Amino acid sequence: MRIYLSADMEGITGLVDADDVQPGGRDYERGRRMMAEDVNAAIRGAVAAGATRVTVNDAHGPMRNLLPEALHPAAQLIRGKPKNMGMLDGLTSGHDAVLCVGYHSRAGELGVLSHSFMGHEIEDMWLDGRPVGEIGLAHATAAALGVPVAALTGDDRACEEMTEWDPSVTTVAVKYAHDRFAAELRPAEEARAAIEEAVATALAGSRIAAANPDPAVLAVRWQSASVASVLQGIPGVTAKDSRTVQARGLLPGLYRQFGVWMRVAASMTNQQPYC
């Protein structure tokens, strides 16, 4: 059994503020240790369920948050950037399941550190007309490859968002949002035990995701009309309004193209993709 694990940071146990998740923040070093512990709990669950290979993709910000020496020895780590597929780099149809650890809710929601990929630069996103953020786009891309998302961890709002996309996905709430920068925290040991148990149980069950061959339409509303204008120079990208562009294509190729949009936006706004 080959398992793919995408690790974000905002939904990690105990973390609630930008200083917890951004390099240079006063609590970032503690945050990356907390991230490793949640990821390791998920890896232990996967191994208990019979996983023979676990690929971990560091999917947050600079994508160099997880220290290789802090990671469970059963895992292989994808670290650094740029990556062609960003938060899903290395995911293939050869994987049996996806685990999303430390994920957060989309822009506009009142979850802990909620946003969609680029902090304030992306105001909203839609996939085939349905509001989407990092959770929904990851799920849809994995499904297009025929790989099911087995489990997700994060705050309660992230878990609710995942359940809206696919109620069969096992979710673990490690904290309960009071606002974007405040939450009621589960005790760390309790949260990690819950992650390990939930992942083991989820992977032990039978899950099938039929690959989706149909094209999808991704639309993104940007804070800057200039970004939207420049993106229209990319073949296939059209305007919905002065700040919203869209493109039609097959996932996962559309996901990869969206990564190009973000790099263009970052070059224009001096804001790196946050994730």
C-alpha atoms as a PDB file:
ATOM      1  CA  MET A   1       0.000   0.000   0.000  1.00  0.00           C
ATOM      2  CA  ARG A   2       1.470   3.321  -1.147  1.00  0.00           C
ATOM      3  CA  ILE A   3       0.290   6.383   0.754  1.00  0.00           C
ATOM      4  CA  TYR A   4       0.723  10.043  -0.192  1.00  0.00           C
ATOM      5  CA  LEU A   5       0.691  12.647   2.582  1.00  0.00           C
ATOM      6  CA  SER A   6       0.361  16.381   1.881  1.00  0.00           C
ATOM      7  CA  ALA A   7       1.363  18.395   4.963  1.00  0.00           C
ATOM      8  CA  ASP A   8       0.200  21.971   5.435  1.00  0.00           C
ATOM      9  CA  MET A   9       0.817  23.956   8.602  1.00  0.00           C
ATOM     10  CA  GLU A  10      -2.105  26.219   9.550  1.00  0.00           C
ATOM     11  CA  GLY A  11      -4.202  23.246  10.664  1.00  0.00           C
ATOM     12  CA  ILE A  12      -1.521  21.713  12.872  1.00  0.00           C
ATOM     13  CA  THR A  13      -2.162  21.027  16.547  1.00  0.00           C
ATOM     14  CA  GLY A  14      -1.666  24.101  18.746  1.00  0.00           C
ATOM     15  CA  LEU A  15      -0.951  26.663  15.999  1.00  0.00           C
ATOM     16  CA  VAL A  16      -3.179  29.743  15.660  1.00  0.00           C
ATOM     17  CA  ASP A  17      -1.120  32.736  14.491  1.00  0.00           C
ATOM     18  CA  ALA A  18       1.127  33.807  11.629  1.00  0.00           C
ATOM     19  CA  ASP A  19       4.055  33.819  14.057  1.00  0.00           C
ATOM     20  CA  ASP A  20       3.477  30.081  14.481  1.00  0.00           C
ATOM     21  CA  VAL A  21       3.695  29.223  10.788  1.00  0.00           C
ATOM     22  CA  GLN A  22       5.890  31.778   9.019  1.00  0.00           C
ATOM     23  CA  PRO A  23       9.704  31.499   8.938  1.00  0.00           C
ATOM     24  CA  GLY A  24      11.104  34.217  11.169  1.00  0.00           C
ATOM     25  CA  GLY A  25       8.025  34.234  13.384  1.00  0.00           C
ATOM     26  CA  ARG A  26       8.755  34.141  17.081  1.00  0.00           C
ATOM     27  CA  ASP A  27       7.112  30.702  17.482  1.00  0.00           C
ATOM     28  CA  TYR A  28       7.925  29.236  14.060  1.00  0.00           C
ATOM     29  CA  GLU A  29      10.578  26.801  15.318  1.00  0.00           C
ATOM     30  CA  ARG A  30       8.085  25.429  17.816  1.00  0.00           C
ATOM     31  CA  GLY A  31       5.480  25.311  15.045  1.00  0.00           C
ATOM     32  CA  ARG A  32       7.606  23.179  12.775  1.00  0.00           C
ATOM     33  CA  ARG A  33       8.186  20.710  15.626  1.00  0.00           C
ATOM     34  CA  MET A  34       4.435  20.536  16.186  1.00  0.00           C
ATOM     35  CA  MET A  35       3.981  19.965  12.446  1.00  0.00           C
ATOM     36  CA  ALA A  36       6.401  17.041  12.498  1.00  0.00           C
ATOM     37  CA  GLU A  37       4.542  15.438  15.396  1.00  0.00           C
ATOM     38  CA  ASP A  38       1.162  15.573  13.623  1.00  0.00           C
ATOM     39  CA  VAL A  39       2.715  14.216  10.423  1.00  0.00           C
ATOM     40  CA  ASN A  40       4.457  11.423  12.326  1.00  0.00           C
ATOM     41  CA  ALA A  41       1.183  10.471  14.010  1.00  0.00           C
ATOM     42  CA  ALA A  42      -0.416  10.095  10.569  1.00  0.00           C
ATOM     43  CA  ILE A  43       2.556   8.059   9.335  1.00  0.00           C
ATOM     44  CA  ARG A  44       2.288   5.728  12.345  1.00  0.00           C
ATOM     45  CA  GLY A  45      -1.377   5.213  11.518  1.00  0.00           C
ATOM     46  CA  ALA A  46      -0.545   4.456   7.904  1.00  0.00           C
ATOM     47  CA  VAL A  47       2.134   1.945   8.880  1.00  0.00           C
ATOM     48  CA  ALA A  48      -0.269   0.283  11.307  1.00  0.00           C
ATOM     49  CA  ALA A  49      -2.744  -0.109   8.447  1.00  0.00           C
ATOM     50  CA  GLY A  50      -0.113  -1.833   6.302  1.00  0.00           C
ATOM     51  CA  ALA A  51       1.472   0.975   4.314  1.00  0.00           C
ATOM     52  CA  THR A  52       4.734  -0.111   2.702  1.00  0.00           C
ATOM     53  CA  ARG A  53       5.654   3.332   1.392  1.00  0.00           C
ATOM     54  CA  VAL A  54       4.656   6.788   2.648  1.00  0.00           C
ATOM     55  CA  THR A  55       5.575   9.833   0.577  1.00  0.00           C
ATOM     56  CA  VAL A  56       5.353  13.111   2.503  1.00  0.00           C
ATOM     57  CA  ASN A  57       5.178  16.412   0.630  1.00  0.00           C
ATOM     58  CA  ASP A  58       6.004  19.507   2.677  1.00  0.00           C
ATOM     59  CA  ALA A  59       3.221  21.686   1.280  1.00  0.00           C
ATOM     60  CA  HIS A  60       3.378  24.868   3.355  1.00  0.00           C
ATOM     61  CA  GLY A  61       4.877  28.226   2.365  1.00  0.00           C
ATOM     62  CA  PRO A  62       8.592  27.738   1.611  1.00  0.00           C
ATOM     63  CA  MET A  63       8.003  23.974   1.705  1.00  0.00           C
ATOM     64  CA  ARG A  64      11.082  23.548   3.919  1.00  0.00           C
ATOM     65  CA  ASN A  65       9.302  23.357   7.255  1.00  0.00           C
ATOM     66  CA  LEU A  66       9.720  19.678   8.045  1.00  0.00           C
ATOM     67  CA  LEU A  67      13.207  18.735   9.166  1.00  0.00           C
ATOM     68  CA  PRO A  68      14.169  15.391   7.572  1.00  0.00           C
ATOM     69  CA  GLU A  69      15.731  14.159  10.793  1.00  0.00           C
ATOM     70  CA  ALA A  70      12.471  14.795  12.683  1.00  0.00           C
ATOM     71  CA  LEU A  71      10.386  12.649  10.324  1.00  0.00           C
ATOM     72  CA  HIS A  72       9.321   9.057  10.972  1.00  0.00           C
ATOM     73  CA  PRO A  73      11.815   6.703   9.295  1.00  0.00           C
ATOM     74  CA  ALA A  74       9.077   4.989   7.275  1.00  0.00           C
ATOM     75  CA  ALA A  75       8.533   8.136   5.198  1.00  0.00           C
ATOM     76  CA  GLN A  76      10.246   9.733   2.236  1.00  0.00           C
ATOM     77  CA  LEU A  77      10.143  13.530   2.158  1.00  0.00           C
ATOM     78  CA  ILE A  78       9.622  15.892  -0.791  1.00  0.00           C
ATOM     79  CA  ARG A  79      11.049  19.228   0.338  1.00  0.00           C
ATOM     80  CA  GLY A  80      11.678  22.655  -1.204  1.00  0.00           C
ATOM     81  CA  LYS A  81      10.313  24.631  -4.150  1.00  0.00           C
ATOM     82  CA  PRO A  82       9.400  25.365  -6.865  1.00  0.00           C
ATOM     83  CA  LYS A  83       7.411  22.198  -7.508  1.00  0.00           C
ATOM     84  CA  ASN A  84       5.387  21.606 -10.649  1.00  0.00           C
ATOM     85  CA  MET A  85       2.407  20.402  -8.626  1.00  0.00           C
ATOM     86  CA  GLY A  86       2.931  22.449  -5.480  1.00  0.00           C
ATOM     87  CA  MET A  87       0.970  21.013  -2.557  1.00  0.00           C
ATOM     88  CA  LEU A  88       0.405  17.765  -4.478  1.00  0.00           C
ATOM     89  CA  ASP A  89       3.859  17.307  -5.977  1.00  0.00           C
ATOM     90  CA  GLY A  90       4.716  13.637  -6.342  1.00  0.00           C
ATOM     91  CA  LEU A  91       1.125  12.392  -6.263  1.00  0.00           C
ATOM     92  CA  THR A  92       0.464   9.791  -8.971  1.00  0.00           C
ATOM     93  CA  SER A  93      -2.219   7.282  -9.866  1.00  0.00           C
ATOM     94  CA  GLY A  94       0.072   4.656  -8.342  1.00  0.00           C
ATOM     95  CA  HIS A  95      -0.801   5.812  -4.823  1.00  0.00           C
ATOM     96  CA  ASP A  96      -3.578   4.048  -2.955  1.00  0.00           C
ATOM     97  CA  ALA A  97      -4.736   6.968  -0.806  1.00  0.00           C
ATOM     98  CA  VAL A  98      -4.051  10.584   0.121  1.00  0.00           C
ATOM     99  CA  LEU A  99      -3.744  12.003   3.631  1.00  0.00           C
ATOM    100  CA  CYS A 100      -4.127  15.771   4.140  1.00  0.00           C
ATOM    101  CA  VAL A 101      -2.491  16.814   7.417  1.00  0.00           C
ATOM    102  CA  GLY A 102      -2.679  20.332   8.887  1.00  0.00           C
ATOM    103  CA  TYR A 103      -5.098  21.719   6.301  1.00  0.00           C
ATOM    104  CA  HIS A 104      -7.207  24.878   6.734  1.00  0.00           C
ATOM    105  CA  SER A 105     -10.470  26.320   5.424  1.00  0.00           C
ATOM    106  CA  ARG A 106     -10.767  28.468   2.317  1.00  0.00           C
ATOM    107  CA  ALA A 107     -10.660  32.254   1.995  1.00  0.00           C
ATOM    108  CA  GLY A 108     -13.631  34.013   3.534  1.00  0.00           C
ATOM    109  CA  GLU A 109     -14.317  31.325   6.135  1.00  0.00           C
ATOM    110  CA  LEU A 110     -13.825  31.900   9.854  1.00  0.00           C
ATOM    111  CA  GLY A 111     -11.398  29.057  10.326  1.00  0.00           C
ATOM    112  CA  VAL A 112      -7.960  29.342  11.892  1.00  0.00           C
ATOM    113  CA  LEU A 113      -5.598  31.127   9.461  1.00  0.00           C
ATOM    114  CA  SER A 114      -8.125  30.611   6.663  1.00  0.00           C
ATOM    115  CA  HIS A 115      -7.112  31.611   3.117  1.00  0.00           C
ATOM    116  CA  SER A 116      -6.747  30.138  -0.350  1.00  0.00           C
ATOM    117  CA  PHE A 117      -3.144  29.628  -1.450  1.00  0.00           C
ATOM    118  CA  MET A 118      -1.987  33.288  -1.491  1.00  0.00           C
ATOM    119  CA  GLY A 119      -3.211  34.981   1.663  1.00  0.00           C
ATOM    120  CA  HIS A 120      -5.000  38.227   0.806  1.00  0.00           C
ATOM    121  CA  GLU A 121      -4.181  38.166  -2.912  1.00  0.00           C
ATOM    122  CA  ILE A 122      -6.806  35.528  -3.779  1.00  0.00           C
ATOM    123  CA  GLU A 123     -10.269  36.622  -2.692  1.00  0.00           C
ATOM    124  CA  ASP A 124     -12.236  33.610  -3.896  1.00  0.00           C
ATOM    125  CA  MET A 125     -12.067  30.527  -6.097  1.00  0.00           C
ATOM    126  CA  TRP A 126     -14.590  28.270  -7.824  1.00  0.00           C
ATOM    127  CA  LEU A 127     -14.315  24.841  -9.404  1.00  0.00           C
ATOM    128  CA  ASP A 128     -17.179  24.206 -11.820  1.00  0.00           C
ATOM    129  CA  GLY A 129     -19.054  27.007 -10.075  1.00  0.00           C
ATOM    130  CA  ARG A 130     -18.568  25.570  -6.602  1.00  0.00           C
ATOM    131  CA  PRO A 131     -16.622  27.593  -4.007  1.00  0.00           C
ATOM    132  CA  VAL A 132     -13.266  25.906  -3.500  1.00  0.00           C
ATOM    133  CA  GLY A 133     -10.037  26.328  -1.563  1.00  0.00           C
ATOM    134  CA  GLU A 134      -6.998  24.176  -0.974  1.00  0.00           C
ATOM    135  CA  ILE A 135      -9.086  21.318   0.429  1.00  0.00           C
ATOM    136  CA  GLY A 136     -11.530  21.014  -2.443  1.00  0.00           C
ATOM    137  CA  LEU A 137      -8.909  21.488  -5.144  1.00  0.00           C
ATOM    138  CA  ALA A 138      -6.670  18.827  -3.598  1.00  0.00           C
ATOM    139  CA  HIS A 139      -9.597  16.429  -3.347  1.00  0.00           C
ATOM    140  CA  ALA A 140     -10.693  17.031  -6.948  1.00  0.00           C
ATOM    141  CA  THR A 141      -7.158  16.634  -8.285  1.00  0.00           C
ATOM    142  CA  ALA A 142      -6.597  13.392  -6.385  1.00  0.00           C
ATOM    143  CA  ALA A 143      -9.960  12.110  -7.601  1.00  0.00           C
ATOM    144  CA  ALA A 144      -8.998  12.920 -11.192  1.00  0.00           C
ATOM    145  CA  LEU A 145      -6.028  10.602 -10.726  1.00  0.00           C
ATOM    146  CA  GLY A 146      -8.252   7.921  -9.260  1.00  0.00           C
ATOM    147  CA  VAL A 147      -6.743   8.259  -5.775  1.00  0.00           C
ATOM    148  CA  PRO A 148      -9.136   8.702  -2.821  1.00  0.00           C
ATOM    149  CA  VAL A 149      -8.536  11.134   0.022  1.00  0.00           C
ATOM    150  CA  ALA A 150      -8.742   8.907   3.088  1.00  0.00           C
ATOM    151  CA  ALA A 151      -8.292  11.389   5.932  1.00  0.00           C
ATOM    152  CA  LEU A 152      -7.825  15.063   6.733  1.00  0.00           C
ATOM    153  CA  THR A 153      -6.672  16.823   9.901  1.00  0.00           C
ATOM    154  CA  GLY A 154      -7.099  20.493  10.795  1.00  0.00           C
ATOM    155  CA  ASP A 155      -9.443  22.724  12.758  1.00  0.00           C
ATOM    156  CA  ASP A 156     -13.175  22.015  12.932  1.00  0.00           C
ATOM    157  CA  ARG A 157     -13.930  24.398  10.012  1.00  0.00           C
ATOM    158  CA  ALA A 158     -11.467  22.591   7.754  1.00  0.00           C
ATOM    159  CA  CYS A 159     -13.053  19.287   8.722  1.00  0.00           C
ATOM    160  CA  GLU A 160     -16.516  20.633   7.894  1.00  0.00           C
ATOM    161  CA  GLU A 161     -15.261  21.861   4.516  1.00  0.00           C
ATOM    162  CA  MET A 162     -13.843  18.441   3.699  1.00  0.00           C
ATOM    163  CA  THR A 163     -17.092  16.744   4.738  1.00  0.00           C
ATOM    164  CA  GLU A 164     -19.023  19.050   2.399  1.00  0.00           C
ATOM    165  CA  TRP A 165     -16.823  17.868  -0.469  1.00  0.00           C
ATOM    166  CA  ASP A 166     -16.829  14.212   0.429  1.00  0.00           C
ATOM    167  CA  PRO A 167     -18.562  12.868   3.562  1.00  0.00           C
ATOM    168  CA  SER A 168     -16.696   9.558   3.234  1.00  0.00           C
ATOM    169  CA  VAL A 169     -13.374  11.200   4.175  1.00  0.00           C
ATOM    170  CA  THR A 170     -12.347  10.661   7.791  1.00  0.00           C
ATOM    171  CA  THR A 171     -11.600  13.967   9.536  1.00  0.00           C
ATOM    172  CA  VAL A 172      -9.808  14.806  12.783  1.00  0.00           C
ATOM    173  CA  ALA A 173     -10.355  18.204  14.411  1.00  0.00           C
ATOM    174  CA  VAL A 174      -7.245  19.102  16.428  1.00  0.00           C
ATOM    175  CA  LYS A 175      -8.631  22.529  17.426  1.00  0.00           C
ATOM    176  CA  TYR A 176     -11.898  24.457  17.342  1.00  0.00           C
ATOM    177  CA  ALA A 177     -11.874  27.883  15.720  1.00  0.00           C
ATOM    178  CA  HIS A 178     -13.018  30.907  17.703  1.00  0.00           C
ATOM    179  CA  ASP A 179     -11.751  33.305  15.031  1.00  0.00           C
ATOM    180  CA  ARG A 180      -9.028  33.415  12.376  1.00  0.00           C
ATOM    181  CA  PHE A 181      -6.324  33.767  15.039  1.00  0.00           C
ATOM    182  CA  ALA A 182      -7.897  32.054  18.041  1.00  0.00           C
ATOM    183  CA  ALA A 183      -8.969  28.514  18.817  1.00  0.00           C
ATOM    184  CA  GLU A 184      -9.729  26.069  21.596  1.00  0.00           C
ATOM    185  CA  LEU A 185      -6.954  23.492  21.430  1.00  0.00           C
ATOM    186  CA  ARG A 186      -7.123  19.767  21.982  1.00  0.00           C
ATOM    187  CA  PRO A 187      -4.284  18.546  24.213  1.00  0.00           C
ATOM    188  CA  ALA A 188      -1.371  17.661  21.944  1.00  0.00           C
ATOM    189  CA  GLU A 189      -1.072  14.022  23.013  1.00  0.00           C
ATOM    190  CA  GLU A 190      -4.819  13.522  22.620  1.00  0.00           C
ATOM    191  CA  ALA A 191      -4.841  15.113  19.179  1.00  0.00           C
ATOM    192  CA  ARG A 192      -1.972  12.983  17.914  1.00  0.00           C
ATOM    193  CA  ALA A 193      -3.479   9.795  19.282  1.00  0.00           C
ATOM    194  CA  ALA A 194      -6.699  10.707  17.463  1.00  0.00           C
ATOM    195  CA  ILE A 195      -4.798  11.311  14.203  1.00  0.00           C
ATOM    196  CA  GLU A 196      -2.974   7.983  14.429  1.00  0.00           C
ATOM    197  CA  GLU A 197      -6.125   6.016  15.198  1.00  0.00           C
ATOM    198  CA  ALA A 198      -8.240   7.773  12.546  1.00  0.00           C
ATOM    199  CA  VAL A 199      -5.667   7.249   9.786  1.00  0.00           C
ATOM    200  CA  ALA A 200      -5.213   3.576  10.650  1.00  0.00           C
ATOM    201  CA  THR A 201      -8.975   3.034  10.614  1.00  0.00           C
ATOM    202  CA  ALA A 202      -9.515   5.008   7.407  1.00  0.00           C
ATOM    203  CA  LEU A 203      -6.823   3.158   5.490  1.00  0.00           C
ATOM    204  CA  ALA A 204      -8.033  -0.225   6.722  1.00  0.00           C
ATOM    205  CA  GLY A 205     -11.389   0.402   5.045  1.00  0.00           C
ATOM    206  CA  SER A 206     -12.125  -0.064   1.362  1.00  0.00           C
ATOM    207  CA  ARG A 207     -11.995   3.177  -0.619  1.00  0.00           C
ATOM    208  CA  ILE A 208     -12.340   3.587  -4.355  1.00  0.00           C
ATOM    209  CA  ALA A 209     -12.099   6.827  -6.339  1.00  0.00           C
ATOM    210  CA  ALA A 210     -13.013   6.561  -9.999  1.00  0.00           C
ATOM    211  CA  ALA A 211     -10.769   8.726 -12.147  1.00  0.00           C
ATOM    212  CA  ASN A 212     -12.680  11.697 -13.572  1.00  0.00           C
ATOM    213  CA  PRO A 213     -11.970  12.211 -17.303  1.00  0.00           C
ATOM    214  CA  ASP A 214     -14.134  15.319 -17.660  1.00  0.00           C
ATOM    215  CA  PRO A 215     -12.710  18.838 -18.066  1.00  0.00           C
ATOM    216  CA  ALA A 216     -13.253  21.277 -15.210  1.00  0.00           C
ATOM    217  CA  VAL A 217     -13.471  25.061 -15.038  1.00  0.00           C
ATOM    218  CA  LEU A 218     -11.357  26.851 -12.441  1.00  0.00           C
ATOM    219  CA  ALA A 219     -12.112  30.519 -11.721  1.00  0.00           C
ATOM    220  CA  VAL A 220     -10.097  32.788  -9.414  1.00  0.00           C
ATOM    221  CA  ARG A 221     -10.924  36.278  -8.184  1.00  0.00           C
ATOM    222  CA  TRP A 222      -7.780  38.290  -7.416  1.00  0.00           C
ATOM    223  CA  GLN A 223      -7.350  41.310  -5.196  1.00  0.00           C
ATOM    224  CA  SER A 224      -5.592  43.073  -8.071  1.00  0.00           C
ATOM    225  CA  ALA A 225      -7.189  43.737 -11.447  1.00  0.00           C
ATOM    226  CA  SER A 226      -3.648  44.024 -12.833  1.00  0.00           C
ATOM    227  CA  VAL A 227      -2.942  40.387 -11.974  1.00  0.00           C
ATOM    228  CA  ALA A 228      -6.144  39.298 -13.703  1.00  0.00           C
ATOM    229  CA  SER A 229      -5.239  41.374 -16.756  1.00  0.00           C
ATOM    230  CA  VAL A 230      -1.737  39.908 -17.111  1.00  0.00           C
ATOM    231  CA  LEU A 231      -2.971  36.322 -16.642  1.00  0.00           C
ATOM    232  CA  GLN A 232      -5.154  36.707 -19.725  1.00  0.00           C
ATOM    233  CA  GLY A 233      -1.934  36.556 -21.737  1.00  0.00           C
ATOM    234  CA  ILE A 234      -1.740  32.833 -20.916  1.00  0.00           C
ATOM    235  CA  PRO A 235      -3.435  30.756 -23.650  1.00  0.00           C
ATOM    236  CA  GLY A 236      -6.820  29.496 -22.506  1.00  0.00           C
ATOM    237  CA  VAL A 237      -7.235  32.020 -19.681  1.00  0.00           C
ATOM    238  CA  THR A 238     -10.248  34.312 -20.081  1.00  0.00           C
ATOM    239  CA  ALA A 239     -11.842  37.068 -18.010  1.00  0.00           C
ATOM    240  CA  LYS A 240     -15.124  36.765 -16.141  1.00  0.00           C
ATOM    241  CA  ASP A 241     -14.839  40.324 -14.855  1.00  0.00           C
ATOM    242  CA  SER A 242     -12.053  42.828 -14.184  1.00  0.00           C
ATOM    243  CA  ARG A 243     -10.544  40.785 -11.320  1.00  0.00           C
ATOM    244  CA  THR A 244     -11.678  37.231 -12.111  1.00  0.00           C
ATOM    245  CA  VAL A 245     -10.100  34.861 -14.632  1.00  0.00           C
ATOM    246  CA  GLN A 246     -10.979  31.315 -15.543  1.00  0.00           C
ATOM    247  CA  ALA A 247      -9.672  28.381 -17.553  1.00  0.00           C
ATOM    248  CA  ARG A 248     -11.068  25.034 -18.629  1.00  0.00           C
ATOM    249  CA  GLY A 249      -8.988  21.883 -18.654  1.00  0.00           C
ATOM    250  CA  LEU A 250      -8.356  18.442 -17.272  1.00  0.00           C
ATOM    251  CA  LEU A 251      -7.133  17.915 -13.740  1.00  0.00           C
ATOM    252  CA  PRO A 252      -4.351  17.498 -12.690  1.00  0.00           C
ATOM    253  CA  GLY A 253      -3.076  19.662 -15.572  1.00  0.00           C
ATOM    254  CA  LEU A 254      -5.387  22.492 -14.542  1.00  0.00           C
ATOM    255  CA  TYR A 255      -3.959  22.339 -11.012  1.00  0.00           C
ATOM    256  CA  ARG A 256      -0.458  22.666 -12.425  1.00  0.00           C
ATOM    257  CA  GLN A 257      -1.502  25.640 -14.576  1.00  0.00           C
ATOM    258  CA  PHE A 258      -2.950  27.318 -11.483  1.00  0.00           C
ATOM    259  CA  GLY A 259       0.524  27.090  -9.958  1.00  0.00           C
ATOM    260  CA  VAL A 260       1.785  29.184 -12.880  1.00  0.00           C
ATOM    261  CA  TRP A 261      -0.933  31.756 -12.165  1.00  0.00           C
ATOM    262  CA  MET A 262       0.301  32.013  -8.603  1.00  0.00           C
ATOM    263  CA  ARG A 263       3.910  32.488  -9.654  1.00  0.00           C
ATOM    264  CA  VAL A 264       2.861  35.290 -12.007  1.00  0.00           C
ATOM    265  CA  ALA A 265       0.831  36.909  -9.232  1.00  0.00           C
ATOM    266  CA  ALA A 266       3.740  36.570  -6.804  1.00  0.00           C
ATOM    267  CA  SER A 267       6.109  38.290  -9.231  1.00  0.00           C
ATOM    268  CA  MET A 268       3.692  41.215  -9.533  1.00  0.00           C
ATOM    269  CA  THR A 269       2.720  41.626  -5.869  1.00  0.00           C
ATOM    270  CA  ASN A 270       5.861  40.555  -3.963  1.00  0.00           C
ATOM    271  CA  GLN A 271       3.699  38.037  -2.135  1.00  0.00           C
ATOM    272  CA  GLN A 272       4.756  34.407  -2.256  1.00  0.00           C
ATOM    273  CA  PRO A 273       2.186  31.599  -2.342  1.00  0.00           C
ATOM    274  CA  TYR A 274       1.357  30.980   1.306  1.00  0.00           C
ATOM    275  CA  CYS A 275      -0.573  27.687   1.291  1.00  0.00           C
END
